[in-house]
N, C-alpha and C. Protein backbone atom coordinates (compact mmCIF):
# COMPACT_ATOMS: atom_id res chain seq x y z
N UNK A 1 86.61 68.16 61.22
CA UNK A 1 86.45 68.56 62.63
C UNK A 1 87.44 69.60 62.95
N UNK A 2 88.54 69.78 62.27
CA UNK A 2 89.57 70.85 62.60
C UNK A 2 88.96 72.23 62.33
N UNK A 3 88.08 72.29 61.41
CA UNK A 3 87.43 73.64 61.09
C UNK A 3 86.52 74.09 62.21
N UNK A 4 86.14 73.28 63.15
CA UNK A 4 85.13 73.61 64.24
C UNK A 4 85.88 74.63 65.29
N UNK A 5 87.06 74.22 65.69
CA UNK A 5 87.92 75.05 66.63
C UNK A 5 88.18 76.37 66.08
N UNK A 6 88.23 77.34 66.89
CA UNK A 6 88.20 77.41 68.26
C UNK A 6 86.78 77.59 68.91
N UNK A 7 85.71 77.29 68.21
CA UNK A 7 84.39 77.22 68.81
C UNK A 7 84.19 76.07 69.69
N UNK A 8 83.36 76.50 70.86
CA UNK A 8 83.18 75.35 71.83
C UNK A 8 82.28 74.23 71.15
N UNK A 9 82.86 73.04 71.65
CA UNK A 9 82.23 71.79 71.08
C UNK A 9 81.72 70.89 72.27
N UNK A 10 80.47 70.54 72.40
CA UNK A 10 80.02 69.48 73.37
C UNK A 10 79.56 68.32 72.55
N UNK A 11 80.19 67.10 72.83
CA UNK A 11 79.66 65.91 72.21
C UNK A 11 79.00 65.13 73.37
N UNK A 12 77.83 64.67 73.17
CA UNK A 12 77.14 63.79 74.21
C UNK A 12 76.99 62.40 73.46
N UNK A 13 77.55 61.40 74.13
CA UNK A 13 77.40 60.02 73.49
C UNK A 13 77.06 59.01 74.55
N UNK A 14 76.56 58.03 74.18
CA UNK A 14 76.22 56.81 75.01
C UNK A 14 77.49 55.99 75.20
N UNK A 15 77.75 55.57 76.36
CA UNK A 15 79.09 54.73 76.55
C UNK A 15 78.97 53.41 75.92
N UNK A 16 77.73 52.95 75.57
CA UNK A 16 77.64 51.75 74.91
C UNK A 16 77.23 51.86 73.37
N UNK A 17 77.39 53.04 72.92
CA UNK A 17 77.12 53.46 71.43
C UNK A 17 78.19 52.73 70.49
N UNK A 18 77.63 52.17 69.45
CA UNK A 18 78.51 51.66 68.44
C UNK A 18 79.35 52.62 67.84
N UNK A 19 79.02 53.95 67.79
CA UNK A 19 79.66 55.03 67.13
C UNK A 19 80.67 55.82 68.06
N UNK A 20 80.78 55.22 69.16
CA UNK A 20 81.54 55.97 70.22
C UNK A 20 83.03 56.25 69.71
N UNK A 21 83.51 55.22 68.98
CA UNK A 21 84.98 55.52 68.42
C UNK A 21 85.07 56.80 67.68
N UNK A 22 83.93 56.98 66.75
CA UNK A 22 83.88 58.13 65.88
C UNK A 22 83.99 59.53 66.57
N UNK A 23 83.09 59.47 67.66
CA UNK A 23 83.17 60.69 68.54
C UNK A 23 84.44 60.84 69.17
N UNK A 24 85.06 59.85 69.68
CA UNK A 24 86.44 60.08 70.36
C UNK A 24 87.35 60.46 69.38
N UNK A 25 87.44 59.80 68.18
CA UNK A 25 88.25 60.26 67.18
C UNK A 25 88.15 61.70 66.80
N UNK A 26 86.91 62.03 66.58
CA UNK A 26 86.70 63.45 66.15
C UNK A 26 87.03 64.43 67.30
N UNK A 27 86.74 64.02 68.50
CA UNK A 27 87.12 64.91 69.70
C UNK A 27 88.63 65.12 69.74
N UNK A 28 89.41 64.18 69.46
CA UNK A 28 90.90 64.21 69.49
C UNK A 28 91.23 65.33 68.43
N UNK A 29 90.66 65.26 67.31
CA UNK A 29 90.95 66.24 66.25
C UNK A 29 90.75 67.63 66.44
N UNK A 30 89.72 67.99 67.37
CA UNK A 30 89.22 69.32 67.47
C UNK A 30 90.18 70.16 68.48
N UNK A 31 90.42 71.44 68.22
CA UNK A 31 91.06 72.22 69.06
C UNK A 31 90.21 72.62 70.13
N UNK A 32 90.72 73.19 71.25
CA UNK A 32 89.92 73.70 72.40
C UNK A 32 88.93 74.85 71.91
N UNK A 33 87.89 75.03 72.82
CA UNK A 33 87.47 74.44 73.88
C UNK A 33 86.64 73.18 73.55
N UNK A 34 86.64 72.07 74.12
CA UNK A 34 85.92 70.82 73.84
C UNK A 34 85.55 70.03 75.05
N UNK A 35 84.43 69.26 74.89
CA UNK A 35 84.01 68.51 76.04
C UNK A 35 83.40 67.23 75.48
N UNK A 36 83.64 66.06 75.91
CA UNK A 36 83.09 64.74 75.47
C UNK A 36 82.36 64.22 76.73
N UNK A 37 80.98 64.18 76.68
CA UNK A 37 80.36 63.75 77.81
C UNK A 37 79.59 62.44 77.57
N UNK A 38 79.88 61.46 78.35
CA UNK A 38 79.40 60.03 78.10
C UNK A 38 78.21 59.77 79.07
N UNK A 39 77.19 59.31 78.49
CA UNK A 39 75.94 58.82 79.28
C UNK A 39 76.15 57.43 79.72
N UNK A 40 76.23 56.97 80.97
CA UNK A 40 76.51 55.62 81.38
C UNK A 40 75.40 54.75 80.97
N UNK A 41 75.66 53.66 80.33
CA UNK A 41 74.59 52.56 79.94
C UNK A 41 73.90 52.90 78.70
N UNK A 42 73.99 54.15 78.20
CA UNK A 42 73.20 54.42 76.97
C UNK A 42 73.88 53.84 75.63
N UNK A 43 72.99 53.55 74.67
CA UNK A 43 73.51 53.09 73.31
C UNK A 43 73.19 54.23 72.44
N UNK A 44 73.36 54.11 71.13
CA UNK A 44 72.87 55.07 70.12
C UNK A 44 71.36 55.27 70.28
N UNK A 45 70.64 54.21 70.28
CA UNK A 45 69.18 54.40 70.30
C UNK A 45 68.84 54.89 71.73
N UNK A 46 69.36 54.43 72.73
CA UNK A 46 68.85 54.94 74.11
C UNK A 46 68.70 56.42 74.23
N UNK A 47 69.75 57.12 73.54
CA UNK A 47 69.76 58.59 73.81
C UNK A 47 68.57 59.31 72.97
N UNK A 48 67.95 58.43 72.07
CA UNK A 48 66.80 58.96 71.35
C UNK A 48 65.38 58.83 72.14
N UNK A 49 65.28 57.74 72.78
CA UNK A 49 63.89 57.55 73.34
C UNK A 49 63.69 56.98 74.90
N UNK A 50 64.95 56.93 75.41
CA UNK A 50 64.79 56.33 76.86
C UNK A 50 65.09 57.49 77.89
N UNK A 51 64.02 57.68 78.68
CA UNK A 51 64.07 58.87 79.59
C UNK A 51 65.28 58.84 80.59
N UNK A 52 65.65 57.60 80.92
CA UNK A 52 66.89 57.55 81.85
C UNK A 52 68.05 58.00 81.22
N UNK A 53 68.13 58.01 79.93
CA UNK A 53 69.46 58.55 79.19
C UNK A 53 69.18 60.01 78.80
N UNK A 54 67.87 60.33 78.44
CA UNK A 54 67.62 61.59 77.88
C UNK A 54 67.75 62.68 78.86
N UNK A 55 67.34 62.59 80.16
CA UNK A 55 67.36 63.47 81.16
C UNK A 55 68.76 63.81 81.60
N UNK A 56 69.71 62.93 81.62
CA UNK A 56 71.18 63.47 81.95
C UNK A 56 71.70 64.25 80.67
N UNK A 57 71.30 63.79 79.47
CA UNK A 57 71.72 64.64 78.33
C UNK A 57 71.35 66.01 78.38
N UNK A 58 69.95 66.11 78.66
CA UNK A 58 69.29 67.41 78.76
C UNK A 58 70.00 68.43 79.84
N UNK A 59 70.26 67.57 80.97
CA UNK A 59 70.89 68.27 82.08
C UNK A 59 72.26 68.83 81.71
N UNK A 60 72.98 68.02 80.99
CA UNK A 60 74.27 68.45 80.50
C UNK A 60 74.25 69.65 79.53
N UNK A 61 73.29 69.57 78.63
CA UNK A 61 73.00 70.63 77.70
C UNK A 61 72.69 71.93 78.44
N UNK A 62 71.76 71.91 79.45
CA UNK A 62 71.37 73.01 80.16
C UNK A 62 72.60 73.59 80.82
N UNK A 63 73.33 72.79 81.58
CA UNK A 63 74.69 73.23 82.22
C UNK A 63 75.49 73.86 81.16
N UNK A 64 75.69 73.33 79.99
CA UNK A 64 76.67 73.83 78.99
C UNK A 64 76.37 75.19 78.49
N UNK A 65 75.01 75.31 78.26
CA UNK A 65 74.56 76.62 77.62
C UNK A 65 74.20 77.77 78.65
N UNK A 66 73.60 77.23 79.74
CA UNK A 66 73.12 78.21 80.73
C UNK A 66 74.15 78.81 81.67
N UNK A 67 74.97 77.92 82.24
CA UNK A 67 75.89 78.31 83.25
C UNK A 67 76.86 79.49 82.64
N UNK A 68 77.39 79.37 81.51
CA UNK A 68 78.28 80.54 81.02
C UNK A 68 77.41 81.81 80.80
N UNK A 69 76.17 81.71 80.57
CA UNK A 69 75.35 82.96 80.36
C UNK A 69 75.22 83.70 81.72
N UNK A 70 75.05 82.83 82.80
CA UNK A 70 74.83 83.56 84.13
C UNK A 70 76.12 84.05 84.82
N UNK A 71 77.25 83.79 84.42
CA UNK A 71 78.53 84.17 85.02
C UNK A 71 78.77 85.66 84.78
């Protein structure tokens, strides 16, 4: 993970995901800029196929990629 920085990193995780600890551990190892975005109520599988979790993830991706382009 240290090799990723200084490139921007966005991690989107479900707050109930079994693998959350890995994302947090990796996030701490990365240099800036970085962002860890949690989707409330989502698990690992929920982010794959549940609209109520996919929509907020897609919204965050759009914000992350589009907003800097229009500045």
